[in-house]
Amino acid sequence: MKADNERSLWERVRQSAAVRYLKSPKGPLVAAVAVALVAVMIYTLANLRSCESRGTISGGGSLWHTATGGSDEDLSGILSQIEGAGDTDVLVTYDKSGTLVGVVVVSEGARDQAVVVKLMRAVSTATGAKVDQIEIFEKNK
């Protein structure tokens, strides 16, 4: 009885419109295009996933990564070289799609407005962040 049901099921599958369409002259082309689209979607999703991993940038070493996964220069080290900035730490955050959310800078020299402006410009240039996405705070001594 079970074998008859399985044969009946396979017979219905063989007679289905989808199987008949795949056996038509356009069938293999449609199947190839569908497989290619699935492959492109998987590739795209895999690359988006690599954009999710971001970390803290600090003088101890850079965890900031470009979308291609390569390490960028240690941004906090660069910012610390700005005259008056002193010791500086940076946190760059991204959402799950890899879009920049914001940048937090904690700097010894942030009490000086001229240093804050320089830090703001440097962070904006380095990360592409807009001014309203950047927060700069004075570092606790």
N, C-alpha and C. Protein backbone atom coordinates (compact mmCIF):
# COMPACT_ATOMS: atom_id res chain seq x y z
N MET A 1 0.82 -1.19 0.00
CA MET A 1 0.00 0.00 0.00
C MET A 1 0.87 1.26 0.00
N LYS A 2 1.93 1.28 0.88
CA LYS A 2 2.82 2.42 0.95
C LYS A 2 3.56 2.62 -0.38
N ALA A 3 4.00 1.53 -0.98
CA ALA A 3 4.69 1.62 -2.27
C ALA A 3 3.76 2.18 -3.34
N ASP A 4 2.51 1.80 -3.32
CA ASP A 4 1.54 2.34 -4.28
C ASP A 4 1.36 3.84 -4.09
N ASN A 5 1.30 4.28 -2.83
CA ASN A 5 1.16 5.72 -2.54
C ASN A 5 2.37 6.50 -3.03
N GLU A 6 3.57 5.93 -2.81
CA GLU A 6 4.79 6.60 -3.26
C GLU A 6 4.84 6.69 -4.78
N ARG A 7 4.45 5.60 -5.47
CA ARG A 7 4.41 5.62 -6.93
C ARG A 7 3.39 6.63 -7.42
N SER A 8 2.28 6.70 -6.75
CA SER A 8 1.25 7.65 -7.14
C SER A 8 1.75 9.09 -6.96
N LEU A 9 2.44 9.32 -5.86
CA LEU A 9 2.99 10.65 -5.60
C LEU A 9 4.00 11.03 -6.67
N TRP A 10 4.94 10.11 -6.98
CA TRP A 10 5.94 10.40 -8.00
C TRP A 10 5.30 10.59 -9.37
N GLU A 11 4.25 9.86 -9.64
CA GLU A 11 3.56 10.01 -10.92
C GLU A 11 2.91 11.40 -11.00
N ARG A 12 2.33 11.85 -9.90
CA ARG A 12 1.74 13.20 -9.87
C ARG A 12 2.81 14.27 -10.04
N VAL A 13 3.97 14.07 -9.41
CA VAL A 13 5.07 15.04 -9.56
C VAL A 13 5.53 15.10 -11.01
N ARG A 14 5.69 13.91 -11.65
CA ARG A 14 6.13 13.87 -13.05
C ARG A 14 5.13 14.53 -13.99
N GLN A 15 3.87 14.48 -13.63
CA GLN A 15 2.83 15.06 -14.48
C GLN A 15 2.54 16.52 -14.14
N SER A 16 3.20 17.07 -13.13
CA SER A 16 2.91 18.45 -12.71
C SER A 16 3.34 19.45 -13.78
N ALA A 17 2.76 20.62 -13.72
CA ALA A 17 3.05 21.68 -14.68
C ALA A 17 4.50 22.14 -14.56
N ALA A 18 5.04 22.17 -13.35
CA ALA A 18 6.41 22.62 -13.16
C ALA A 18 7.40 21.69 -13.85
N VAL A 19 7.19 20.39 -13.70
CA VAL A 19 8.09 19.41 -14.34
C VAL A 19 7.93 19.48 -15.85
N ARG A 20 6.72 19.60 -16.34
CA ARG A 20 6.52 19.72 -17.79
C ARG A 20 7.21 20.96 -18.33
N TYR A 21 7.13 22.09 -17.57
CA TYR A 21 7.77 23.33 -18.00
C TYR A 21 9.29 23.16 -18.04
N LEU A 22 9.85 22.50 -17.02
CA LEU A 22 11.30 22.27 -17.00
C LEU A 22 11.77 21.38 -18.14
N LYS A 23 10.89 20.51 -18.62
CA LYS A 23 11.23 19.65 -19.75
C LYS A 23 11.07 20.36 -21.09
N SER A 24 10.45 21.55 -21.08
CA SER A 24 10.25 22.31 -22.31
C SER A 24 11.59 22.90 -22.76
N PRO A 25 11.66 23.45 -23.97
CA PRO A 25 12.92 24.03 -24.47
C PRO A 25 13.46 25.17 -23.59
N LYS A 26 12.57 25.95 -22.95
CA LYS A 26 13.02 27.05 -22.10
C LYS A 26 13.36 26.60 -20.68
N GLY A 27 13.01 25.42 -20.31
CA GLY A 27 13.20 24.92 -18.95
C GLY A 27 14.62 25.00 -18.42
N PRO A 28 15.60 24.46 -19.15
CA PRO A 28 16.97 24.53 -18.64
C PRO A 28 17.48 25.95 -18.47
N LEU A 29 17.09 26.86 -19.36
CA LEU A 29 17.49 28.25 -19.23
C LEU A 29 16.90 28.87 -17.98
N VAL A 30 15.62 28.63 -17.74
CA VAL A 30 14.96 29.16 -16.55
C VAL A 30 15.62 28.60 -15.29
N ALA A 31 15.93 27.32 -15.28
CA ALA A 31 16.58 26.70 -14.13
C ALA A 31 17.97 27.31 -13.89
N ALA A 32 18.72 27.54 -14.96
CA ALA A 32 20.05 28.13 -14.83
C ALA A 32 19.97 29.56 -14.29
N VAL A 33 19.02 30.34 -14.77
CA VAL A 33 18.85 31.71 -14.28
C VAL A 33 18.46 31.69 -12.80
N ALA A 34 17.59 30.78 -12.41
CA ALA A 34 17.18 30.68 -11.00
C ALA A 34 18.37 30.32 -10.11
N VAL A 35 19.19 29.38 -10.54
CA VAL A 35 20.37 29.00 -9.77
C VAL A 35 21.34 30.18 -9.67
N ALA A 36 21.53 30.91 -10.77
CA ALA A 36 22.42 32.07 -10.77
C ALA A 36 21.91 33.14 -9.81
N LEU A 37 20.62 33.40 -9.79
CA LEU A 37 20.05 34.39 -8.88
C LEU A 37 20.25 33.99 -7.42
N VAL A 38 20.06 32.73 -7.13
CA VAL A 38 20.27 32.26 -5.76
C VAL A 38 21.74 32.43 -5.38
N ALA A 39 22.66 32.11 -6.29
CA ALA A 39 24.08 32.27 -6.01
C ALA A 39 24.44 33.73 -5.75
N VAL A 40 23.89 34.64 -6.53
CA VAL A 40 24.15 36.07 -6.34
C VAL A 40 23.60 36.54 -5.00
N MET A 41 22.41 36.07 -4.62
CA MET A 41 21.83 36.46 -3.33
C MET A 41 22.70 35.94 -2.18
N ILE A 42 23.17 34.73 -2.26
CA ILE A 42 24.02 34.17 -1.21
C ILE A 42 25.33 34.96 -1.11
N TYR A 43 25.92 35.27 -2.25
CA TYR A 43 27.16 36.05 -2.27
C TYR A 43 26.95 37.42 -1.64
N THR A 44 25.85 38.09 -2.01
CA THR A 44 25.55 39.41 -1.47
C THR A 44 25.33 39.36 0.03
N LEU A 45 24.56 38.40 0.50
CA LEU A 45 24.31 38.28 1.93
C LEU A 45 25.60 37.97 2.69
N ALA A 46 26.47 37.16 2.12
CA ALA A 46 27.74 36.85 2.78
C ALA A 46 28.60 38.10 2.91
N ASN A 47 28.60 38.96 1.90
CA ASN A 47 29.38 40.19 1.96
C ASN A 47 28.77 41.19 2.93
N LEU A 48 27.45 41.27 3.01
CA LEU A 48 26.82 42.16 3.98
C LEU A 48 27.15 41.72 5.40
N ARG A 49 27.23 40.43 5.60
CA ARG A 49 27.54 39.91 6.92
C ARG A 49 28.92 40.36 7.37
N SER A 50 29.89 40.47 6.43
CA SER A 50 31.24 40.89 6.80
C SER A 50 31.26 42.33 7.24
N CYS A 51 30.26 43.11 6.88
CA CYS A 51 30.20 44.51 7.29
C CYS A 51 29.71 44.67 8.71
N GLU A 52 29.13 43.63 9.29
CA GLU A 52 28.55 43.75 10.62
C GLU A 52 29.60 43.80 11.71
N SER A 53 30.73 43.15 11.54
CA SER A 53 31.72 43.08 12.60
C SER A 53 32.53 44.36 12.64
N ARG A 54 32.32 45.10 13.67
CA ARG A 54 33.06 46.33 13.90
C ARG A 54 33.52 46.33 15.34
N GLY A 55 34.46 47.17 15.68
CA GLY A 55 34.91 47.16 17.06
C GLY A 55 35.41 48.51 17.51
N THR A 56 36.04 48.51 18.67
CA THR A 56 36.56 49.73 19.26
C THR A 56 37.93 50.02 18.69
N ILE A 57 38.18 51.29 18.48
CA ILE A 57 39.49 51.72 18.06
C ILE A 57 40.14 52.36 19.27
N SER A 58 41.28 51.91 19.64
CA SER A 58 41.97 52.51 20.78
C SER A 58 43.46 52.50 20.49
N GLY A 59 44.20 53.21 21.32
CA GLY A 59 45.63 53.29 21.14
C GLY A 59 46.30 51.93 21.20
N GLY A 60 45.64 50.94 21.81
CA GLY A 60 46.21 49.62 21.95
C GLY A 60 46.14 48.79 20.68
N GLY A 61 45.50 49.27 19.65
CA GLY A 61 45.41 48.52 18.41
C GLY A 61 44.07 48.72 17.75
N SER A 62 44.06 48.70 16.47
CA SER A 62 42.85 49.00 15.72
C SER A 62 42.00 47.76 15.48
N LEU A 63 40.72 47.89 15.76
CA LEU A 63 39.77 46.85 15.40
C LEU A 63 38.82 47.37 14.34
N TRP A 64 39.12 48.52 13.79
CA TRP A 64 38.27 49.13 12.79
C TRP A 64 38.58 48.51 11.46
N HIS A 65 37.56 48.01 10.78
CA HIS A 65 37.78 47.32 9.51
C HIS A 65 37.01 48.00 8.40
N THR A 66 37.59 47.95 7.22
CA THR A 66 36.87 48.43 6.05
C THR A 66 35.88 47.37 5.62
N ALA A 67 34.99 47.71 4.71
CA ALA A 67 33.98 46.76 4.24
C ALA A 67 34.61 45.53 3.61
N THR A 68 35.82 45.66 3.08
CA THR A 68 36.48 44.52 2.46
C THR A 68 37.21 43.66 3.48
N GLY A 69 37.17 44.06 4.76
CA GLY A 69 37.76 43.24 5.80
C GLY A 69 39.20 43.61 6.12
N GLY A 70 39.83 44.50 5.34
CA GLY A 70 41.19 44.89 5.62
C GLY A 70 41.24 45.90 6.76
N SER A 71 42.34 45.90 7.51
CA SER A 71 42.48 46.85 8.61
C SER A 71 42.82 48.23 8.07
N ASP A 72 42.19 49.24 8.65
CA ASP A 72 42.51 50.62 8.33
C ASP A 72 43.56 51.09 9.34
N GLU A 73 44.15 52.25 9.10
CA GLU A 73 45.11 52.76 10.07
C GLU A 73 44.40 53.00 11.39
N ASP A 74 45.14 52.92 12.46
CA ASP A 74 44.59 53.10 13.79
C ASP A 74 44.14 54.56 13.94
N LEU A 75 42.82 54.77 13.84
CA LEU A 75 42.28 56.13 13.85
C LEU A 75 42.59 56.86 15.14
N SER A 76 42.53 56.17 16.25
CA SER A 76 42.82 56.85 17.51
C SER A 76 44.28 57.30 17.55
N GLY A 77 45.17 56.51 16.97
CA GLY A 77 46.57 56.92 16.91
C GLY A 77 46.76 58.16 16.06
N ILE A 78 46.01 58.23 14.96
CA ILE A 78 46.06 59.41 14.10
C ILE A 78 45.52 60.62 14.84
N LEU A 79 44.38 60.46 15.49
CA LEU A 79 43.76 61.58 16.21
C LEU A 79 44.65 62.06 17.35
N SER A 80 45.35 61.13 18.01
CA SER A 80 46.25 61.50 19.11
C SER A 80 47.39 62.37 18.63
N GLN A 81 47.70 62.31 17.34
CA GLN A 81 48.79 63.13 16.78
C GLN A 81 48.36 64.57 16.51
N ILE A 82 47.06 64.85 16.57
CA ILE A 82 46.59 66.23 16.37
C ILE A 82 47.06 67.05 17.56
N GLU A 83 47.64 68.21 17.26
CA GLU A 83 48.18 69.06 18.32
C GLU A 83 47.12 69.40 19.36
N GLY A 84 47.43 69.09 20.61
CA GLY A 84 46.54 69.38 21.72
C GLY A 84 45.56 68.27 22.05
N ALA A 85 45.45 67.25 21.20
CA ALA A 85 44.47 66.19 21.43
C ALA A 85 44.87 65.29 22.59
N GLY A 86 46.15 65.00 22.73
CA GLY A 86 46.60 64.09 23.78
C GLY A 86 46.13 62.67 23.51
N ASP A 87 46.03 61.87 24.59
CA ASP A 87 45.60 60.48 24.47
C ASP A 87 44.14 60.45 24.02
N THR A 88 43.86 59.66 23.00
CA THR A 88 42.52 59.65 22.40
C THR A 88 42.06 58.23 22.13
N ASP A 89 40.81 57.94 22.45
CA ASP A 89 40.17 56.66 22.14
C ASP A 89 38.96 56.94 21.26
N VAL A 90 38.64 55.97 20.39
CA VAL A 90 37.55 56.14 19.44
C VAL A 90 36.70 54.88 19.39
N LEU A 91 35.39 55.06 19.28
CA LEU A 91 34.47 53.96 19.06
C LEU A 91 33.64 54.30 17.82
N VAL A 92 33.72 53.43 16.80
CA VAL A 92 32.94 53.61 15.58
C VAL A 92 31.87 52.52 15.58
N THR A 93 30.60 52.91 15.44
CA THR A 93 29.52 51.91 15.46
C THR A 93 28.79 51.88 14.13
N TYR A 94 28.34 50.67 13.77
CA TYR A 94 27.62 50.43 12.53
C TYR A 94 26.37 49.63 12.84
N ASP A 95 25.33 49.77 12.02
CA ASP A 95 24.16 48.91 12.19
C ASP A 95 24.40 47.60 11.45
N LYS A 96 23.42 46.70 11.50
CA LYS A 96 23.60 45.37 10.92
C LYS A 96 23.82 45.39 9.41
N SER A 97 23.38 46.45 8.75
CA SER A 97 23.58 46.52 7.30
C SER A 97 24.91 47.17 6.94
N GLY A 98 25.71 47.52 7.94
CA GLY A 98 27.01 48.11 7.67
C GLY A 98 27.01 49.60 7.53
N THR A 99 25.88 50.25 7.78
CA THR A 99 25.78 51.70 7.69
C THR A 99 26.32 52.32 8.97
N LEU A 100 27.13 53.35 8.82
CA LEU A 100 27.71 54.04 9.97
C LEU A 100 26.60 54.65 10.82
N VAL A 101 26.62 54.36 12.12
CA VAL A 101 25.65 54.93 13.04
C VAL A 101 26.24 56.16 13.72
N GLY A 102 27.46 56.04 14.21
CA GLY A 102 28.06 57.17 14.89
C GLY A 102 29.48 56.89 15.32
N VAL A 103 30.14 57.95 15.77
CA VAL A 103 31.52 57.88 16.23
C VAL A 103 31.61 58.62 17.56
N VAL A 104 32.21 57.97 18.55
CA VAL A 104 32.47 58.60 19.85
C VAL A 104 33.97 58.73 20.00
N VAL A 105 34.41 59.95 20.32
CA VAL A 105 35.82 60.23 20.54
C VAL A 105 35.97 60.72 21.97
N VAL A 106 36.91 60.13 22.70
CA VAL A 106 37.22 60.57 24.05
C VAL A 106 38.68 61.01 24.02
N SER A 107 38.92 62.30 24.26
CA SER A 107 40.24 62.87 24.09
C SER A 107 40.62 63.76 25.27
N GLU A 108 41.90 63.69 25.67
CA GLU A 108 42.38 64.54 26.76
C GLU A 108 42.23 66.02 26.41
N GLY A 109 42.37 66.36 25.15
CA GLY A 109 42.35 67.76 24.75
C GLY A 109 40.98 68.32 24.39
N ALA A 110 39.92 67.56 24.66
CA ALA A 110 38.58 67.97 24.23
C ALA A 110 38.03 69.18 24.97
N ARG A 111 38.73 69.66 26.01
CA ARG A 111 38.25 70.87 26.70
C ARG A 111 38.51 72.12 25.85
N ASP A 112 39.43 72.01 24.89
CA ASP A 112 39.77 73.12 24.00
C ASP A 112 38.92 73.02 22.74
N GLN A 113 38.10 74.02 22.47
CA GLN A 113 37.19 74.02 21.31
C GLN A 113 37.93 73.90 19.98
N ALA A 114 39.13 74.49 19.88
CA ALA A 114 39.90 74.39 18.64
C ALA A 114 40.29 72.92 18.38
N VAL A 115 40.63 72.18 19.44
CA VAL A 115 40.98 70.76 19.30
C VAL A 115 39.74 69.97 18.92
N VAL A 116 38.60 70.30 19.53
CA VAL A 116 37.34 69.61 19.21
C VAL A 116 37.02 69.76 17.73
N VAL A 117 37.20 70.96 17.20
CA VAL A 117 36.92 71.20 15.78
C VAL A 117 37.86 70.38 14.91
N LYS A 118 39.14 70.32 15.26
CA LYS A 118 40.10 69.53 14.49
C LYS A 118 39.75 68.04 14.54
N LEU A 119 39.40 67.55 15.74
CA LEU A 119 39.02 66.15 15.88
C LEU A 119 37.77 65.83 15.05
N MET A 120 36.80 66.74 15.10
CA MET A 120 35.55 66.57 14.35
C MET A 120 35.84 66.46 12.85
N ARG A 121 36.67 67.36 12.35
CA ARG A 121 36.99 67.34 10.93
C ARG A 121 37.76 66.08 10.55
N ALA A 122 38.69 65.67 11.40
CA ALA A 122 39.48 64.47 11.10
C ALA A 122 38.61 63.22 11.09
N VAL A 123 37.73 63.09 12.08
CA VAL A 123 36.85 61.92 12.14
C VAL A 123 35.91 61.90 10.95
N SER A 124 35.35 63.05 10.61
CA SER A 124 34.44 63.13 9.47
C SER A 124 35.15 62.73 8.18
N THR A 125 36.36 63.21 8.01
CA THR A 125 37.12 62.88 6.80
C THR A 125 37.48 61.40 6.76
N ALA A 126 37.90 60.85 7.89
CA ALA A 126 38.36 59.45 7.93
C ALA A 126 37.22 58.44 7.80
N THR A 127 36.07 58.76 8.37
CA THR A 127 34.98 57.78 8.43
C THR A 127 33.81 58.10 7.51
N GLY A 128 33.71 59.35 7.06
CA GLY A 128 32.55 59.75 6.27
C GLY A 128 31.36 60.12 7.14
N ALA A 129 31.57 60.16 8.45
CA ALA A 129 30.48 60.50 9.37
C ALA A 129 30.11 61.97 9.23
N LYS A 130 28.82 62.25 9.36
CA LYS A 130 28.34 63.63 9.38
C LYS A 130 28.58 64.19 10.78
N VAL A 131 28.61 65.50 10.89
CA VAL A 131 28.88 66.16 12.17
C VAL A 131 27.90 65.70 13.24
N ASP A 132 26.64 65.49 12.88
CA ASP A 132 25.66 65.07 13.89
C ASP A 132 25.81 63.60 14.27
N GLN A 133 26.74 62.87 13.65
CA GLN A 133 27.02 61.48 14.01
C GLN A 133 28.28 61.35 14.86
N ILE A 134 28.90 62.47 15.17
CA ILE A 134 30.16 62.46 15.91
C ILE A 134 29.96 63.14 17.26
N GLU A 135 30.40 62.47 18.32
CA GLU A 135 30.37 63.04 19.66
C GLU A 135 31.80 63.02 20.19
N ILE A 136 32.25 64.17 20.73
CA ILE A 136 33.61 64.27 21.26
C ILE A 136 33.51 64.68 22.73
N PHE A 137 34.19 63.89 23.59
CA PHE A 137 34.15 64.12 25.03
C PHE A 137 35.56 64.26 25.59
N GLU A 138 35.66 64.99 26.70
CA GLU A 138 36.93 65.12 27.39
C GLU A 138 37.23 63.84 28.15
N LYS A 139 38.47 63.39 28.04
CA LYS A 139 38.88 62.16 28.70
C LYS A 139 39.08 62.40 30.19
N ASN A 140 38.63 61.46 31.00
CA ASN A 140 38.78 61.52 32.45
C ASN A 140 40.25 61.30 32.80
N LYS A 141 40.80 62.14 33.66
CA LYS A 141 42.22 62.01 34.02
C LYS A 141 42.43 61.11 35.18
